[in-house]
Structure formats: structure tokens, C-alpha cells
């Protein structure tokens, strides 16, 4: 299932890698696409939205509801 998150605070490629790594730790099979300029993270995953949002937030990024 495709899930879209609005994630504030991503300012560089390191941020993108950190967010991608966090999602992959929650779901190794996930496909992650990031549009840093739009603060958008798209995730193709069967994991619950809350689990993925929590993983991103644990990296220090604000995830909008």
C-alpha cells in the first residue's frame, strides 16, 4: 500500500538517507521515494502507517498527521 508522509526538517541527502534507513529498519521490503523540496516521503509498504511514522520521528524528523 502506498503511504505519503509530510516530513519537516529534511535539508540534505544525509537527511534523506536517515529517513530511508529508518523506514527500511521498520520494513526491509519497503520502497521509499523522497521529495525533499516538498517535504514528502512516499513509502510502499504493508506495515501500519503509525509504525512507519514512529520510525521516521525516532530519527528526529517531525511527521505531520
PDB file of N, CA and C in Angstrom:
ATOM      1  N   UNK A   1       0.846  -1.162   0.000  1.00  0.00           N
ATOM      2  CA  UNK A   1       0.000   0.000   0.000  1.00  0.00           C
ATOM      3  C   UNK A   1       0.898   1.233   0.000  1.00  0.00           C
ATOM      4  N   UNK A   2       0.529   2.221  -0.782  1.00  0.00           N
ATOM      5  CA  UNK A   2       1.305   3.449  -0.883  1.00  0.00           C
ATOM      6  C   UNK A   2       0.860   4.411   0.212  1.00  0.00           C
ATOM      7  N   UNK A   3       1.848   4.918   0.963  1.00  0.00           N
ATOM      8  CA  UNK A   3       1.569   5.843   2.053  1.00  0.00           C
ATOM      9  C   UNK A   3       2.430   7.084   1.868  1.00  0.00           C
ATOM     10  N   UNK A   4       1.846   8.254   2.064  1.00  0.00           N
ATOM     11  CA  UNK A   4       2.567   9.508   1.905  1.00  0.00           C
ATOM     12  C   UNK A   4       2.636  10.227   3.245  1.00  0.00           C
ATOM     13  N   UNK A   5       3.840  10.676   3.588  1.00  0.00           N
ATOM     14  CA  UNK A   5       4.076  11.391   4.835  1.00  0.00           C
ATOM     15  C   UNK A   5       4.618  12.776   4.526  1.00  0.00           C
ATOM     16  N   UNK A   6       4.215  13.770   5.302  1.00  0.00           N
ATOM     17  CA  UNK A   6       4.811  15.094   5.237  1.00  0.00           C
ATOM     18  C   UNK A   6       5.821  15.153   6.372  1.00  0.00           C
ATOM     19  N   UNK A   7       7.089  15.305   5.995  1.00  0.00           N
ATOM     20  CA  UNK A   7       8.180  15.231   6.968  1.00  0.00           C
ATOM     21  C   UNK A   7       8.975  16.533   6.941  1.00  0.00           C
ATOM     22  N   UNK A   8       8.974  17.248   8.050  1.00  0.00           N
ATOM     23  CA  UNK A   8       9.706  18.510   8.142  1.00  0.00           C
ATOM     24  C   UNK A   8      11.121  18.257   8.644  1.00  0.00           C
ATOM     25  N   UNK A   9      12.037  19.094   8.200  1.00  0.00           N
ATOM     26  CA  UNK A   9      13.397  19.041   8.712  1.00  0.00           C
ATOM     27  C   UNK A   9      14.407  18.361   7.822  1.00  0.00           C
ATOM     28  N   UNK A  10      13.977  17.821   6.689  1.00  0.00           N
ATOM     29  CA  UNK A  10      14.930  17.187   5.771  1.00  0.00           C
ATOM     30  C   UNK A  10      15.590  18.292   4.941  1.00  0.00           C
ATOM     31  N   UNK A  11      16.892  18.479   5.132  1.00  0.00           N
ATOM     32  CA  UNK A  11      17.569  19.579   4.462  1.00  0.00           C
ATOM     33  C   UNK A  11      18.682  19.143   3.512  1.00  0.00           C
ATOM     34  N   UNK A  12      19.039  17.847   3.547  1.00  0.00           N
ATOM     35  CA  UNK A  12      20.173  17.404   2.729  1.00  0.00           C
ATOM     36  C   UNK A  12      20.044  15.918   2.402  1.00  0.00           C
ATOM     37  N   UNK A  13      21.005  15.425   1.646  1.00  0.00           N
ATOM     38  CA  UNK A  13      20.998  13.997   1.284  1.00  0.00           C
ATOM     39  C   UNK A  13      21.170  13.108   2.514  1.00  0.00           C
ATOM     40  N   UNK A  14      21.924  13.580   3.485  1.00  0.00           N
ATOM     41  CA  UNK A  14      22.075  12.798   4.715  1.00  0.00           C
ATOM     42  C   UNK A  14      20.721  12.593   5.379  1.00  0.00           C
ATOM     43  N   UNK A  15      19.900  13.633   5.376  1.00  0.00           N
ATOM     44  CA  UNK A  15      18.549  13.527   5.935  1.00  0.00           C
ATOM     45  C   UNK A  15      17.735  12.481   5.178  1.00  0.00           C
ATOM     46  N   UNK A  16      17.821  12.513   3.858  1.00  0.00           N
ATOM     47  CA  UNK A  16      17.099  11.540   3.039  1.00  0.00           C
ATOM     48  C   UNK A  16      17.543  10.124   3.387  1.00  0.00           C
ATOM     49  N   UNK A  17      18.841   9.933   3.535  1.00  0.00           N
ATOM     50  CA  UNK A  17      19.369   8.603   3.864  1.00  0.00           C
ATOM     51  C   UNK A  17      18.901   8.165   5.246  1.00  0.00           C
ATOM     52  N   UNK A  18      18.877   9.093   6.198  1.00  0.00           N
ATOM     53  CA  UNK A  18      18.444   8.762   7.553  1.00  0.00           C
ATOM     54  C   UNK A  18      16.969   8.340   7.570  1.00  0.00           C
ATOM     55  N   UNK A  19      16.130   9.064   6.841  1.00  0.00           N
ATOM     56  CA  UNK A  19      14.714   8.733   6.778  1.00  0.00           C
ATOM     57  C   UNK A  19      14.519   7.387   6.065  1.00  0.00           C
ATOM     58  N   UNK A  20      15.229   7.197   4.972  1.00  0.00           N
ATOM     59  CA  UNK A  20      15.125   5.930   4.241  1.00  0.00           C
ATOM     60  C   UNK A  20      15.563   4.767   5.129  1.00  0.00           C
ATOM     61  N   UNK A  21      16.673   4.932   5.824  1.00  0.00           N
ATOM     62  CA  UNK A  21      17.185   3.882   6.710  1.00  0.00           C
ATOM     63  C   UNK A  21      16.166   3.570   7.813  1.00  0.00           C
ATOM     64  N   UNK A  22      15.540   4.596   8.376  1.00  0.00           N
ATOM     65  CA  UNK A  22      14.545   4.392   9.435  1.00  0.00           C
ATOM     66  C   UNK A  22      13.359   3.571   8.923  1.00  0.00           C
ATOM     67  N   UNK A  23      12.877   3.923   7.735  1.00  0.00           N
ATOM     68  CA  UNK A  23      11.747   3.186   7.157  1.00  0.00           C
ATOM     69  C   UNK A  23      12.155   1.745   6.869  1.00  0.00           C
ATOM     70  N   UNK A  24      13.356   1.554   6.318  1.00  0.00           N
ATOM     71  CA  UNK A  24      13.825   0.209   5.978  1.00  0.00           C
ATOM     72  C   UNK A  24      14.039  -0.652   7.222  1.00  0.00           C
ATOM     73  N   UNK A  25      14.368  -0.023   8.343  1.00  0.00           N
ATOM     74  CA  UNK A  25      14.501  -0.795   9.580  1.00  0.00           C
ATOM     75  C   UNK A  25      13.134  -1.284  10.049  1.00  0.00           C
ATOM     76  N   UNK A  26      12.107  -0.473   9.821  1.00  0.00           N
ATOM     77  CA  UNK A  26      10.743  -0.865  10.192  1.00  0.00           C
ATOM     78  C   UNK A  26      10.191  -1.897   9.220  1.00  0.00           C
ATOM     79  N   UNK A  27      10.579  -1.784   7.946  1.00  0.00           N
ATOM     80  CA  UNK A  27      10.124  -2.710   6.907  1.00  0.00           C
ATOM     81  C   UNK A  27      11.206  -2.836   5.838  1.00  0.00           C
ATOM     82  N   UNK A  28      12.030  -3.873   5.924  1.00  0.00           N
ATOM     83  CA  UNK A  28      13.119  -4.052   4.953  1.00  0.00           C
ATOM     84  C   UNK A  28      12.650  -4.155   3.499  1.00  0.00           C
ATOM     85  N   UNK A  29      11.395  -4.501   3.284  1.00  0.00           N
ATOM     86  CA  UNK A  29      10.861  -4.649   1.928  1.00  0.00           C
ATOM     87  C   UNK A  29      10.297  -3.348   1.371  1.00  0.00           C
ATOM     88  N   UNK A  30      10.246  -2.311   2.179  1.00  0.00           N
ATOM     89  CA  UNK A  30       9.630  -1.040   1.775  1.00  0.00           C
ATOM     90  C   UNK A  30      10.389  -0.389   0.627  1.00  0.00           C
ATOM     91  N   UNK A  31       9.641   0.297  -0.220  1.00  0.00           N
ATOM     92  CA  UNK A  31      10.213   1.141  -1.263  1.00  0.00           C
ATOM     93  C   UNK A  31       9.979   2.577  -0.831  1.00  0.00           C
ATOM     94  N   UNK A  32      11.048   3.376  -0.825  1.00  0.00           N
ATOM     95  CA  UNK A  32      10.979   4.741  -0.315  1.00  0.00           C
ATOM     96  C   UNK A  32      11.344   5.727  -1.406  1.00  0.00           C
ATOM     97  N   UNK A  33      10.523   6.761  -1.561  1.00  0.00           N
ATOM     98  CA  UNK A  33      10.789   7.845  -2.511  1.00  0.00           C
ATOM     99  C   UNK A  33      10.639   9.157  -1.757  1.00  0.00           C
ATOM    100  N   UNK A  34      11.666  10.021  -1.872  1.00  0.00           N
ATOM    101  CA  UNK A  34      11.653  11.271  -1.112  1.00  0.00           C
ATOM    102  C   UNK A  34      11.735  12.467  -2.044  1.00  0.00           C
ATOM    103  N   UNK A  35      10.838  13.425  -1.804  1.00  0.00           N
ATOM    104  CA  UNK A  35      10.873  14.724  -2.489  1.00  0.00           C
ATOM    105  C   UNK A  35      11.167  15.746  -1.394  1.00  0.00           C
ATOM    106  N   UNK A  36      12.466  16.013  -1.206  1.00  0.00           N
ATOM    107  CA  UNK A  36      12.891  16.879  -0.105  1.00  0.00           C
ATOM    108  C   UNK A  36      12.311  18.287  -0.223  1.00  0.00           C
ATOM    109  N   UNK A  37      12.249  18.825  -1.427  1.00  0.00           N
ATOM    110  CA  UNK A  37      11.738  20.181  -1.634  1.00  0.00           C
ATOM    111  C   UNK A  37      10.277  20.308  -1.189  1.00  0.00           C
ATOM    112  N   UNK A  38       9.511  19.240  -1.342  1.00  0.00           N
ATOM    113  CA  UNK A  38       8.093  19.249  -0.973  1.00  0.00           C
ATOM    114  C   UNK A  38       7.855  18.670   0.424  1.00  0.00           C
ATOM    115  N   UNK A  39       8.953  18.269   1.114  1.00  0.00           N
ATOM    116  CA  UNK A  39       8.839  17.634   2.434  1.00  0.00           C
ATOM    117  C   UNK A  39       7.971  16.379   2.383  1.00  0.00           C
ATOM    118  N   UNK A  40       8.056  15.647   1.274  1.00  0.00           N
ATOM    119  CA  UNK A  40       7.185  14.486   1.087  1.00  0.00           C
ATOM    120  C   UNK A  40       8.004  13.198   1.039  1.00  0.00           C
ATOM    121  N   UNK A  41       7.527  12.208   1.774  1.00  0.00           N
ATOM    122  CA  UNK A  41       8.120  10.876   1.765  1.00  0.00           C
ATOM    123  C   UNK A  41       7.018   9.906   1.370  1.00  0.00           C
ATOM    124  N   UNK A  42       7.240   9.193   0.268  1.00  0.00           N
ATOM    125  CA  UNK A  42       6.279   8.179  -0.168  1.00  0.00           C
ATOM    126  C   UNK A  42       6.873   6.813   0.119  1.00  0.00           C
ATOM    127  N   UNK A  43       6.062   5.971   0.739  1.00  0.00           N
ATOM    128  CA  UNK A  43       6.516   4.648   1.137  1.00  0.00           C
ATOM    129  C   UNK A  43       5.533   3.609   0.618  1.00  0.00           C
ATOM    130  N   UNK A  44       6.071   2.619  -0.057  1.00  0.00           N
ATOM    131  CA  UNK A  44       5.275   1.466  -0.484  1.00  0.00           C
ATOM    132  C   UNK A  44       5.558   0.373   0.541  1.00  0.00           C
ATOM    133  N   UNK A  45       4.575   0.108   1.406  1.00  0.00           N
ATOM    134  CA  UNK A  45       4.777  -0.838   2.494  1.00  0.00           C
ATOM    135  C   UNK A  45       3.439  -1.359   2.989  1.00  0.00           C
ATOM    136  N   UNK A  46       3.464  -2.567   3.506  1.00  0.00           N
ATOM    137  CA  UNK A  46       2.264  -3.151   4.106  1.00  0.00           C
ATOM    138  C   UNK A  46       2.229  -2.914   5.614  1.00  0.00           C
ATOM    139  N   UNK A  47       3.269  -2.284   6.152  1.00  0.00           N
ATOM    140  CA  UNK A  47       3.317  -2.007   7.588  1.00  0.00           C
ATOM    141  C   UNK A  47       2.332  -0.887   7.938  1.00  0.00           C
ATOM    142  N   UNK A  48       1.861  -0.859   9.189  1.00  0.00           N
ATOM    143  CA  UNK A  48       0.934   0.194   9.608  1.00  0.00           C
ATOM    144  C   UNK A  48       1.578   1.578   9.506  1.00  0.00           C
ATOM    145  N   UNK A  49       0.774   2.544   9.133  1.00  0.00           N
ATOM    146  CA  UNK A  49       1.239   3.925   8.988  1.00  0.00           C
ATOM    147  C   UNK A  49       1.904   4.428  10.272  1.00  0.00           C
ATOM    148  N   UNK A  50       1.306   4.105  11.416  1.00  0.00           N
ATOM    149  CA  UNK A  50       1.821   4.569  12.695  1.00  0.00           C
ATOM    150  C   UNK A  50       3.234   4.057  12.942  1.00  0.00           C
ATOM    151  N   UNK A  51       3.512   2.824  12.582  1.00  0.00           N
ATOM    152  CA  UNK A  51       4.841   2.239  12.771  1.00  0.00           C
ATOM    153  C   UNK A  51       5.877   2.982  11.934  1.00  0.00           C
ATOM    154  N   UNK A  52       5.542   3.271  10.692  1.00  0.00           N
ATOM    155  CA  UNK A  52       6.471   3.974   9.810  1.00  0.00           C
ATOM    156  C   UNK A  52       6.688   5.409  10.277  1.00  0.00           C
ATOM    157  N   UNK A  53       5.618   6.085  10.678  1.00  0.00           N
ATOM    158  CA  UNK A  53       5.731   7.460  11.171  1.00  0.00           C
ATOM    159  C   UNK A  53       6.588   7.502  12.434  1.00  0.00           C
ATOM    160  N   UNK A  54       6.418   6.533  13.297  1.00  0.00           N
ATOM    161  CA  UNK A  54       7.194   6.472  14.534  1.00  0.00           C
ATOM    162  C   UNK A  54       8.679   6.267  14.227  1.00  0.00           C
ATOM    163  N   UNK A  55       8.979   5.448  13.236  1.00  0.00           N
ATOM    164  CA  UNK A  55      10.373   5.190  12.856  1.00  0.00           C
ATOM    165  C   UNK A  55      11.022   6.472  12.323  1.00  0.00           C
ATOM    166  N   UNK A  56      10.284   7.225  11.521  1.00  0.00           N
ATOM    167  CA  UNK A  56      10.806   8.486  10.980  1.00  0.00           C
ATOM    168  C   UNK A  56      11.003   9.490  12.113  1.00  0.00           C
ATOM    169  N   UNK A  57      10.034   9.588  13.000  1.00  0.00           N
ATOM    170  CA  UNK A  57      10.114  10.535  14.115  1.00  0.00           C
ATOM    171  C   UNK A  57      11.279  10.185  15.042  1.00  0.00           C
ATOM    172  N   UNK A  58      11.581   8.899  15.187  1.00  0.00           N
ATOM    173  CA  UNK A  58      12.690   8.474  16.044  1.00  0.00           C
ATOM    174  C   UNK A  58      14.037   8.974  15.529  1.00  0.00           C
ATOM    175  N   UNK A  59      14.102   9.301  14.238  1.00  0.00           N
ATOM    176  CA  UNK A  59      15.322   9.854  13.655  1.00  0.00           C
ATOM    177  C   UNK A  59      15.414  11.360  13.892  1.00  0.00           C
ATOM    178  N   UNK A  60      14.373  11.951  14.475  1.00  0.00           N
ATOM    179  CA  UNK A  60      14.405  13.367  14.812  1.00  0.00           C
ATOM    180  C   UNK A  60      13.671  14.271  13.840  1.00  0.00           C
ATOM    181  N   UNK A  61      12.846  13.692  12.986  1.00  0.00           N
ATOM    182  CA  UNK A  61      12.099  14.490  11.992  1.00  0.00           C
ATOM    183  C   UNK A  61      10.633  14.571  12.403  1.00  0.00           C
ATOM    184  N   UNK A  62      10.037  15.736  12.177  1.00  0.00           N
ATOM    185  CA  UNK A  62       8.625  15.948  12.503  1.00  0.00           C
ATOM    186  C   UNK A  62       7.757  15.374  11.383  1.00  0.00           C
ATOM    187  N   UNK A  63       6.858  14.485  11.752  1.00  0.00           N
ATOM    188  CA  UNK A  63       5.951  13.869  10.788  1.00  0.00           C
ATOM    189  C   UNK A  63       4.560  14.447  11.019  1.00  0.00           C
ATOM    190  N   UNK A  64       4.013  15.109  10.014  1.00  0.00           N
ATOM    191  CA  UNK A  64       2.672  15.690  10.124  1.00  0.00           C
ATOM    192  C   UNK A  64       1.630  14.581  10.030  1.00  0.00           C
ATOM    193  N   UNK A  65       0.535  14.766  10.705  1.00  0.00           N
ATOM    194  CA  UNK A  65      -0.551  13.770  10.707  1.00  0.00           C
ATOM    195  C   UNK A  65      -1.195  13.650   9.350  1.00  0.00           C
TER     196      UNK A  65
END
